[in-house]
PDB file of N, CA and C in Angstrom:
ATOM      1  N   UNK A   1      15.518-122.671 -11.394  1.00  0.00           N
ATOM      2  CA  UNK A   1      15.287-123.999 -10.824  1.00  0.00           C
ATOM      3  C   UNK A   1      15.584-124.057  -9.322  1.00  0.00           C
ATOM      4  N   UNK A   2      16.665-123.452  -8.812  1.00  0.00           N
ATOM      5  CA  UNK A   2      16.946-123.555  -7.371  1.00  0.00           C
ATOM      6  C   UNK A   2      15.803-123.063  -6.492  1.00  0.00           C
ATOM      7  N   UNK A   3      15.107-122.014  -6.890  1.00  0.00           N
ATOM      8  CA  UNK A   3      13.998-121.520  -6.067  1.00  0.00           C
ATOM      9  C   UNK A   3      12.916-122.587  -5.959  1.00  0.00           C
ATOM     10  N   UNK A   4      12.638-123.303  -7.012  1.00  0.00           N
ATOM     11  CA  UNK A   4      11.621-124.355  -6.975  1.00  0.00           C
ATOM     12  C   UNK A   4      12.078-125.504  -6.075  1.00  0.00           C
ATOM     13  N   UNK A   5      13.375-125.828  -6.128  1.00  0.00           N
ATOM     14  CA  UNK A   5      13.933-126.876  -5.263  1.00  0.00           C
ATOM     15  C   UNK A   5      13.777-126.467  -3.801  1.00  0.00           C
ATOM     16  N   UNK A   6      14.113-125.215  -3.497  1.00  0.00           N
ATOM     17  CA  UNK A   6      13.964-124.714  -2.125  1.00  0.00           C
ATOM     18  C   UNK A   6      12.516-124.778  -1.668  1.00  0.00           C
ATOM     19  N   UNK A   7      11.591-124.415  -2.540  1.00  0.00           N
ATOM     20  CA  UNK A   7      10.165-124.466  -2.200  1.00  0.00           C
ATOM     21  C   UNK A   7       9.717-125.900  -1.928  1.00  0.00           C
ATOM     22  N   UNK A   8      10.173-126.826  -2.746  1.00  0.00           N
ATOM     23  CA  UNK A   8       9.830-128.235  -2.558  1.00  0.00           C
ATOM     24  C   UNK A   8      10.357-128.739  -1.218  1.00  0.00           C
ATOM     25  N   UNK A   9      11.634-128.473  -0.938  1.00  0.00           N
ATOM     26  CA  UNK A   9      12.219-128.925   0.326  1.00  0.00           C
ATOM     27  C   UNK A   9      11.538-128.265   1.519  1.00  0.00           C
ATOM     28  N   UNK A  10      11.236-126.990   1.401  1.00  0.00           N
ATOM     29  CA  UNK A  10      10.553-126.289   2.494  1.00  0.00           C
ATOM     30  C   UNK A  10       9.204-126.942   2.785  1.00  0.00           C
ATOM     31  N   UNK A  11       8.447-127.252   1.745  1.00  0.00           N
ATOM     32  CA  UNK A  11       7.133-127.885   1.924  1.00  0.00           C
ATOM     33  C   UNK A  11       7.269-129.286   2.514  1.00  0.00           C
ATOM     34  N   UNK A  12       8.341-129.997   2.180  1.00  0.00           N
ATOM     35  CA  UNK A  12       8.542-131.344   2.706  1.00  0.00           C
ATOM     36  C   UNK A  12       9.109-131.340   4.126  1.00  0.00           C
ATOM     37  N   UNK A  13       9.722-130.228   4.531  1.00  0.00           N
ATOM     38  CA  UNK A  13      10.317-130.143   5.878  1.00  0.00           C
ATOM     39  C   UNK A  13       9.346-129.655   6.942  1.00  0.00           C
ATOM     40  N   UNK A  14       8.435-128.765   6.561  1.00  0.00           N
ATOM     41  CA  UNK A  14       7.584-128.113   7.557  1.00  0.00           C
ATOM     42  C   UNK A  14       6.109-128.276   7.266  1.00  0.00           C
ATOM     43  N   UNK A  15       5.344-128.380   8.335  1.00  0.00           N
ATOM     44  CA  UNK A  15       3.883-128.367   8.289  1.00  0.00           C
ATOM     45  C   UNK A  15       3.473-127.144   9.101  1.00  0.00           C
ATOM     46  N   UNK A  16       3.340-126.004   8.426  1.00  0.00           N
ATOM     47  CA  UNK A  16       3.185-124.746   9.139  1.00  0.00           C
ATOM     48  C   UNK A  16       4.528-124.427   9.773  1.00  0.00           C
ATOM     49  N   UNK A  17       4.557-124.330  11.101  1.00  0.00           N
ATOM     50  CA  UNK A  17       5.823-124.099  11.812  1.00  0.00           C
ATOM     51  C   UNK A  17       6.362-125.383  12.440  1.00  0.00           C
ATOM     52  N   UNK A  18       5.603-126.455  12.343  1.00  0.00           N
ATOM     53  CA  UNK A  18       6.014-127.731  12.930  1.00  0.00           C
ATOM     54  C   UNK A  18       6.820-128.548  11.921  1.00  0.00           C
ATOM     55  N   UNK A  19       7.735-129.356  12.443  1.00  0.00           N
ATOM     56  CA  UNK A  19       8.520-130.262  11.609  1.00  0.00           C
ATOM     57  C   UNK A  19       7.598-131.312  11.000  1.00  0.00           C
ATOM     58  N   UNK A  20       7.670-131.477   9.696  1.00  0.00           N
ATOM     59  CA  UNK A  20       6.864-132.492   9.005  1.00  0.00           C
ATOM     60  C   UNK A  20       7.592-133.829   9.060  1.00  0.00           C
ATOM     61  N   UNK A  21       6.892-134.849   9.481  1.00  0.00           N
ATOM     62  CA  UNK A  21       7.430-136.210   9.503  1.00  0.00           C
ATOM     63  C   UNK A  21       6.814-137.008   8.362  1.00  0.00           C
ATOM     64  N   UNK A  22       7.565-137.936   7.839  1.00  0.00           N
ATOM     65  CA  UNK A  22       7.115-138.773   6.729  1.00  0.00           C
ATOM     66  C   UNK A  22       7.206-140.227   7.178  1.00  0.00           C
ATOM     67  N   UNK A  23       6.097-140.936   7.118  1.00  0.00           N
ATOM     68  CA  UNK A  23       6.071-142.357   7.527  1.00  0.00           C
ATOM     69  C   UNK A  23       6.708-143.169   6.411  1.00  0.00           C
ATOM     70  N   UNK A  24       7.668-144.048   6.768  1.00  0.00           N
ATOM     71  CA  UNK A  24       8.438-144.758   5.758  1.00  0.00           C
ATOM     72  C   UNK A  24       8.846-146.121   6.298  1.00  0.00           C
ATOM     73  N   UNK A  25       8.939-147.136   5.452  1.00  0.00           N
ATOM     74  CA  UNK A  25       9.467-148.436   5.911  1.00  0.00           C
ATOM     75  C   UNK A  25      10.960-148.307   6.229  1.00  0.00           C
ATOM     76  N   UNK A  26      11.343-148.680   7.424  1.00  0.00           N
ATOM     77  CA  UNK A  26      12.737-148.578   7.842  1.00  0.00           C
ATOM     78  C   UNK A  26      13.652-149.390   6.939  1.00  0.00           C
ATOM     79  N   UNK A  27      13.178-150.518   6.455  1.00  0.00           N
ATOM     80  CA  UNK A  27      13.988-151.369   5.573  1.00  0.00           C
ATOM     81  C   UNK A  27      14.366-150.668   4.267  1.00  0.00           C
ATOM     82  N   UNK A  28      13.603-149.672   3.864  1.00  0.00           N
ATOM     83  CA  UNK A  28      13.826-148.990   2.582  1.00  0.00           C
ATOM     84  C   UNK A  28      14.628-147.703   2.709  1.00  0.00           C
ATOM     85  N   UNK A  29      14.979-147.301   3.907  1.00  0.00           N
ATOM     86  CA  UNK A  29      15.685-146.034   4.077  1.00  0.00           C
ATOM     87  C   UNK A  29      17.161-146.171   3.714  1.00  0.00           C
ATOM     88  N   UNK A  30      17.684-145.225   2.929  1.00  0.00           N
ATOM     89  CA  UNK A  30      19.096-145.265   2.555  1.00  0.00           C
ATOM     90  C   UNK A  30      19.987-144.724   3.674  1.00  0.00           C
ATOM     91  N   UNK A  31      21.260-145.058   3.600  1.00  0.00           N
ATOM     92  CA  UNK A  31      22.227-144.487   4.534  1.00  0.00           C
ATOM     93  C   UNK A  31      22.144-142.960   4.485  1.00  0.00           C
ATOM     94  N   UNK A  32      22.177-142.357   5.668  1.00  0.00           N
ATOM     95  CA  UNK A  32      22.124-140.906   5.765  1.00  0.00           C
ATOM     96  C   UNK A  32      20.756-140.364   6.116  1.00  0.00           C
ATOM     97  N   UNK A  33      19.728-141.179   5.984  1.00  0.00           N
ATOM     98  CA  UNK A  33      18.383-140.729   6.352  1.00  0.00           C
ATOM     99  C   UNK A  33      18.315-140.536   7.861  1.00  0.00           C
ATOM    100  N   UNK A  34      17.542-139.551   8.282  1.00  0.00           N
ATOM    101  CA  UNK A  34      17.356-139.274   9.711  1.00  0.00           C
ATOM    102  C   UNK A  34      15.915-139.595  10.076  1.00  0.00           C
ATOM    103  N   UNK A  35      15.740-140.240  11.228  1.00  0.00           N
ATOM    104  CA  UNK A  35      14.399-140.571  11.685  1.00  0.00           C
ATOM    105  C   UNK A  35      14.218-140.150  13.127  1.00  0.00           C
ATOM    106  N   UNK A  36      12.964-140.025  13.523  1.00  0.00           N
ATOM    107  CA  UNK A  36      12.614-139.651  14.891  1.00  0.00           C
ATOM    108  C   UNK A  36      12.077-140.882  15.593  1.00  0.00           C
ATOM    109  N   UNK A  37      12.558-141.097  16.806  1.00  0.00           N
ATOM    110  CA  UNK A  37      12.072-142.241  17.567  1.00  0.00           C
ATOM    111  C   UNK A  37      12.351-142.094  19.046  1.00  0.00           C
ATOM    112  N   UNK A  38      11.316-142.242  19.839  1.00  0.00           N
ATOM    113  CA  UNK A  38      11.452-142.230  21.291  1.00  0.00           C
ATOM    114  C   UNK A  38      12.205-141.012  21.806  1.00  0.00           C
ATOM    115  N   UNK A  39      11.890-139.837  21.280  1.00  0.00           N
ATOM    116  CA  UNK A  39      12.501-138.602  21.744  1.00  0.00           C
ATOM    117  C   UNK A  39      13.922-138.359  21.270  1.00  0.00           C
ATOM    118  N   UNK A  40      14.404-139.182  20.356  1.00  0.00           N
ATOM    119  CA  UNK A  40      15.767-139.070  19.846  1.00  0.00           C
ATOM    120  C   UNK A  40      15.737-139.117  18.325  1.00  0.00           C
ATOM    121  N   UNK A  41      16.668-138.420  17.708  1.00  0.00           N
ATOM    122  CA  UNK A  41      16.852-138.530  16.261  1.00  0.00           C
ATOM    123  C   UNK A  41      17.936-139.570  16.002  1.00  0.00           C
ATOM    124  N   UNK A  42      17.761-140.349  14.953  1.00  0.00           N
ATOM    125  CA  UNK A  42      18.716-141.392  14.582  1.00  0.00           C
ATOM    126  C   UNK A  42      19.094-141.230  13.114  1.00  0.00           C
ATOM    127  N   UNK A  43      20.333-141.539  12.802  1.00  0.00           N
ATOM    128  CA  UNK A  43      20.784-141.618  11.414  1.00  0.00           C
ATOM    129  C   UNK A  43      20.860-143.089  11.028  1.00  0.00           C
ATOM    130  N   UNK A  44      20.463-143.382   9.814  1.00  0.00           N
ATOM    131  CA  UNK A  44      20.566-144.739   9.280  1.00  0.00           C
ATOM    132  C   UNK A  44      21.962-144.902   8.689  1.00  0.00           C
ATOM    133  N   UNK A  45      22.648-145.936   9.138  1.00  0.00           N
ATOM    134  CA  UNK A  45      23.966-146.253   8.585  1.00  0.00           C
ATOM    135  C   UNK A  45      24.113-147.765   8.519  1.00  0.00           C
ATOM    136  N   UNK A  46      24.049-148.259   7.309  1.00  0.00           N
ATOM    137  CA  UNK A  46      24.120-149.693   7.047  1.00  0.00           C
ATOM    138  C   UNK A  46      23.058-150.442   7.852  1.00  0.00           C
ATOM    139  N   UNK A  47      23.469-151.363   8.688  1.00  0.00           N
ATOM    140  CA  UNK A  47      22.515-152.159   9.469  1.00  0.00           C
ATOM    141  C   UNK A  47      22.325-151.617  10.880  1.00  0.00           C
ATOM    142  N   UNK A  48      22.668-150.328  11.080  1.00  0.00           N
ATOM    143  CA  UNK A  48      22.576-149.732  12.407  1.00  0.00           C
ATOM    144  C   UNK A  48      21.848-148.387  12.357  1.00  0.00           C
ATOM    145  N   UNK A  49      21.409-147.977  13.527  1.00  0.00           N
ATOM    146  CA  UNK A  49      20.878-146.633  13.735  1.00  0.00           C
ATOM    147  C   UNK A  49      21.830-145.942  14.699  1.00  0.00           C
ATOM    148  N   UNK A  50      22.210-144.717  14.362  1.00  0.00           N
ATOM    149  CA  UNK A  50      23.117-143.949  15.194  1.00  0.00           C
ATOM    150  C   UNK A  50      22.330-142.835  15.878  1.00  0.00           C
ATOM    151  N   UNK A  51      22.206-142.867  17.210  1.00  0.00           N
ATOM    152  CA  UNK A  51      21.493-141.803  17.899  1.00  0.00           C
ATOM    153  C   UNK A  51      22.270-140.488  17.786  1.00  0.00           C
ATOM    154  N   UNK A  52      21.542-139.400  17.526  1.00  0.00           N
ATOM    155  CA  UNK A  52      22.173-138.095  17.376  1.00  0.00           C
ATOM    156  C   UNK A  52      22.070-137.319  18.680  1.00  0.00           C
ATOM    157  N   UNK A  53      23.173-136.722  19.089  1.00  0.00           N
ATOM    158  CA  UNK A  53      23.197-135.815  20.235  1.00  0.00           C
ATOM    159  C   UNK A  53      23.891-134.534  19.789  1.00  0.00           C
ATOM    160  N   UNK A  54      23.843-133.525  20.615  1.00  0.00           N
ATOM    161  CA  UNK A  54      24.525-132.274  20.268  1.00  0.00           C
ATOM    162  C   UNK A  54      26.047-132.449  20.242  1.00  0.00           C
ATOM    163  N   UNK A  55      26.560-133.530  20.829  1.00  0.00           N
ATOM    164  CA  UNK A  55      27.999-133.812  20.788  1.00  0.00           C
ATOM    165  C   UNK A  55      28.393-134.711  19.611  1.00  0.00           C
ATOM    166  N   UNK A  56      27.441-135.186  18.862  1.00  0.00           N
ATOM    167  CA  UNK A  56      27.709-136.065  17.731  1.00  0.00           C
ATOM    168  C   UNK A  56      26.870-137.325  17.841  1.00  0.00           C
ATOM    169  N   UNK A  57      27.270-138.347  17.109  1.00  0.00           N
ATOM    170  CA  UNK A  57      26.525-139.603  17.106  1.00  0.00           C
ATOM    171  C   UNK A  57      26.913-140.467  18.299  1.00  0.00           C
ATOM    172  N   UNK A  58      25.927-141.173  18.834  1.00  0.00           N
ATOM    173  CA  UNK A  58      26.168-142.117  19.920  1.00  0.00           C
ATOM    174  C   UNK A  58      26.464-143.498  19.385  1.00  0.00           C
ATOM    175  N   UNK A  59      26.551-144.439  20.296  1.00  0.00           N
ATOM    176  CA  UNK A  59      26.851-145.828  19.937  1.00  0.00           C
ATOM    177  C   UNK A  59      25.741-146.399  19.053  1.00  0.00           C
ATOM    178  N   UNK A  60      26.112-147.117  18.008  1.00  0.00           N
ATOM    179  CA  UNK A  60      25.105-147.684  17.116  1.00  0.00           C
ATOM    180  C   UNK A  60      24.234-148.718  17.816  1.00  0.00           C
ATOM    181  N   UNK A  61      22.977-148.751  17.377  1.00  0.00           N
ATOM    182  CA  UNK A  61      22.049-149.785  17.832  1.00  0.00           C
ATOM    183  C   UNK A  61      21.605-150.559  16.594  1.00  0.00           C
ATOM    184  N   UNK A  62      21.307-151.841  16.732  1.00  0.00           N
ATOM    185  CA  UNK A  62      20.889-152.628  15.564  1.00  0.00           C
ATOM    186  C   UNK A  62      19.657-152.009  14.898  1.00  0.00           C
ATOM    187  N   UNK A  63      19.662-152.033  13.591  1.00  0.00           N
ATOM    188  CA  UNK A  63      18.541-151.521  12.803  1.00  0.00           C
ATOM    189  C   UNK A  63      17.459-152.600  12.744  1.00  0.00           C
ATOM    190  N   UNK A  64      16.313-152.367  13.391  1.00  0.00           N
ATOM    191  CA  UNK A  64      15.262-153.387  13.350  1.00  0.00           C
ATOM    192  C   UNK A  64      14.693-153.534  11.942  1.00  0.00           C
ATOM    193  N   UNK A  65      14.111-154.650  11.684  1.00  0.00           N
ATOM    194  CA  UNK A  65      13.519-154.907  10.361  1.00  0.00           C
ATOM    195  C   UNK A  65      12.005-154.973  10.486  1.00  0.00           C
ATOM    196  N   UNK A  66      11.337-154.623   9.394  1.00  0.00           N
ATOM    197  CA  UNK A  66       9.892-154.770   9.324  1.00  0.00           C
ATOM    198  C   UNK A  66       9.086-153.689  10.025  1.00  0.00           C
ATOM    199  N   UNK A  67       9.704-152.539  10.294  1.00  0.00           N
ATOM    200  CA  UNK A  67       9.002-151.456  10.979  1.00  0.00           C
ATOM    201  C   UNK A  67       8.819-150.256  10.053  1.00  0.00           C
ATOM    202  N   UNK A  68       7.799-149.472  10.331  1.00  0.00           N
ATOM    203  CA  UNK A  68       7.626-148.165   9.711  1.00  0.00           C
ATOM    204  C   UNK A  68       8.033-147.127  10.752  1.00  0.00           C
ATOM    205  N   UNK A  69       8.698-146.067  10.301  1.00  0.00           N
ATOM    206  CA  UNK A  69       9.212-145.052  11.215  1.00  0.00           C
ATOM    207  C   UNK A  69       8.847-143.659  10.712  1.00  0.00           C
ATOM    208  N   UNK A  70       8.956-142.689  11.620  1.00  0.00           N
ATOM    209  CA  UNK A  70       8.755-141.283  11.274  1.00  0.00           C
ATOM    210  C   UNK A  70      10.093-140.710  10.824  1.00  0.00           C
ATOM    211  N   UNK A  71      10.156-140.318   9.566  1.00  0.00           N
ATOM    212  CA  UNK A  71      11.405-139.861   8.959  1.00  0.00           C
ATOM    213  C   UNK A  71      11.443-138.336   8.952  1.00  0.00           C
ATOM    214  N   UNK A  72      12.586-137.795   9.352  1.00  0.00           N
ATOM    215  CA  UNK A  72      12.814-136.354   9.343  1.00  0.00           C
ATOM    216  C   UNK A  72      13.327-135.874   7.990  1.00  0.00           C
ATOM    217  N   UNK A  73      14.056-136.705   7.287  1.00  0.00           N
ATOM    218  CA  UNK A  73      14.632-136.341   5.995  1.00  0.00           C
ATOM    219  C   UNK A  73      13.525-136.182   4.954  1.00  0.00           C
ATOM    220  N   UNK A  74      13.504-135.059   4.233  1.00  0.00           N
ATOM    221  CA  UNK A  74      12.487-134.873   3.195  1.00  0.00           C
ATOM    222  C   UNK A  74      12.571-135.953   2.112  1.00  0.00           C
ATOM    223  N   UNK A  75      11.430-136.362   1.548  1.00  0.00           N
ATOM    224  CA  UNK A  75      11.440-137.387   0.499  1.00  0.00           C
ATOM    225  C   UNK A  75      12.350-137.061  -0.685  1.00  0.00           C
ATOM    226  N   UNK A  76      12.466-135.799  -1.061  1.00  0.00           N
ATOM    227  CA  UNK A  76      13.347-135.442  -2.181  1.00  0.00           C
ATOM    228  C   UNK A  76      14.805-135.776  -1.855  1.00  0.00           C
ATOM    229  N   UNK A  77      15.207-135.563  -0.611  1.00  0.00           N
ATOM    230  CA  UNK A  77      16.575-135.895  -0.198  1.00  0.00           C
ATOM    231  C   UNK A  77      16.735-137.410  -0.088  1.00  0.00           C
ATOM    232  N   UNK A  78      15.697-138.111   0.377  1.00  0.00           N
ATOM    233  CA  UNK A  78      15.747-139.579   0.401  1.00  0.00           C
ATOM    234  C   UNK A  78      16.001-140.126  -0.999  1.00  0.00           C
ATOM    235  N   UNK A  79      15.355-139.520  -1.995  1.00  0.00           N
ATOM    236  CA  UNK A  79      15.538-139.966  -3.382  1.00  0.00           C
ATOM    237  C   UNK A  79      16.981-139.764  -3.833  1.00  0.00           C
ATOM    238  N   UNK A  80      17.589-138.650  -3.450  1.00  0.00           N
ATOM    239  CA  UNK A  80      18.988-138.381  -3.800  1.00  0.00           C
ATOM    240  C   UNK A  80      19.901-139.412  -3.130  1.00  0.00           C
ATOM    241  N   UNK A  81      19.657-139.692  -1.855  1.00  0.00           N
ATOM    242  CA  UNK A  81      20.449-140.696  -1.144  1.00  0.00           C
ATOM    243  C   UNK A  81      20.267-142.082  -1.758  1.00  0.00           C
ATOM    244  N   UNK A  82      19.034-142.426  -2.087  1.00  0.00           N
ATOM    245  CA  UNK A  82      18.748-143.734  -2.683  1.00  0.00           C
ATOM    246  C   UNK A  82      19.371-143.873  -4.068  1.00  0.00           C
ATOM    247  N   UNK A  83      19.565-142.748  -4.762  1.00  0.00           N
ATOM    248  CA  UNK A  83      20.160-142.778  -6.104  1.00  0.00           C
ATOM    249  C   UNK A  83      21.679-142.921  -6.061  1.00  0.00           C
ATOM    250  N   UNK A  84      22.256-142.901  -4.856  1.00  0.00           N
ATOM    251  CA  UNK A  84      23.685-143.159  -4.762  1.00  0.00           C
ATOM    252  C   UNK A  84      24.515-142.085  -4.099  1.00  0.00           C
ATOM    253  N   UNK A  85      23.933-140.937  -3.754  1.00  0.00           N
ATOM    254  CA  UNK A  85      24.705-139.915  -3.054  1.00  0.00           C
ATOM    255  C   UNK A  85      25.129-140.465  -1.697  1.00  0.00           C
ATOM    256  N   UNK A  86      26.384-140.327  -1.369  1.00  0.00           N
ATOM    257  CA  UNK A  86      26.899-140.831  -0.097  1.00  0.00           C
ATOM    258  C   UNK A  86      27.219-139.660   0.819  1.00  0.00           C
ATOM    259  N   UNK A  87      26.608-139.628   1.994  1.00  0.00           N
ATOM    260  CA  UNK A  87      26.879-138.527   2.917  1.00  0.00           C
ATOM    261  C   UNK A  87      28.299-138.596   3.485  1.00  0.00           C
ATOM    262  N   UNK A  88      28.800-137.463   3.867  1.00  0.00           N
ATOM    263  CA  UNK A  88      30.071-137.387   4.570  1.00  0.00           C
ATOM    264  C   UNK A  88      29.747-137.450   6.050  1.00  0.00           C
ATOM    265  N   UNK A  89      30.211-138.490   6.721  1.00  0.00           N
ATOM    266  CA  UNK A  89      29.854-138.735   8.106  1.00  0.00           C
ATOM    267  C   UNK A  89      30.779-138.002   9.069  1.00  0.00           C
ATOM    268  N   UNK A  90      30.212-137.506  10.143  1.00  0.00           N
ATOM    269  CA  UNK A  90      30.973-136.913  11.236  1.00  0.00           C
ATOM    270  C   UNK A  90      31.862-138.001  11.832  1.00  0.00           C
ATOM    271  N   UNK A  91      33.006-137.632  12.374  1.00  0.00           N
ATOM    272  CA  UNK A  91      33.940-138.633  12.918  1.00  0.00           C
ATOM    273  C   UNK A  91      33.339-139.468  14.036  1.00  0.00           C
ATOM    274  N   UNK A  92      32.325-138.932  14.738  1.00  0.00           N
ATOM    275  CA  UNK A  92      31.697-139.700  15.818  1.00  0.00           C
ATOM    276  C   UNK A  92      30.843-140.861  15.292  1.00  0.00           C
ATOM    277  N   UNK A  93      30.588-140.913  13.992  1.00  0.00           N
ATOM    278  CA  UNK A  93      29.786-141.994  13.418  1.00  0.00           C
ATOM    279  C   UNK A  93      30.619-143.237  13.134  1.00  0.00           C
ATOM    280  N   UNK A  94      31.904-143.177  13.366  1.00  0.00           N
ATOM    281  CA  UNK A  94      32.785-144.317  13.048  1.00  0.00           C
ATOM    282  C   UNK A  94      32.897-145.313  14.147  1.00  0.00           C
TER     283      UNK A  94
END
């Protein structure tokens, strides 16, 4: 089973050698999902988006409502997060 899981995640992460993005309603994304926007990656955390940098998460920005976004997190992982898995957040996310 693990090999099939790896194959599924690989197919959901990459389009050839390019990162595969998944269009998704922002209102439906669970905590821990990562999205791409304006040259920055963001993590969804409650009612905020946390910009990601190589030093950790930046200051939260309000999570807009009613938008569709390009999601970096594979749909299979989104399903796990939506089912109740809670990510362990880096200390900079606090």
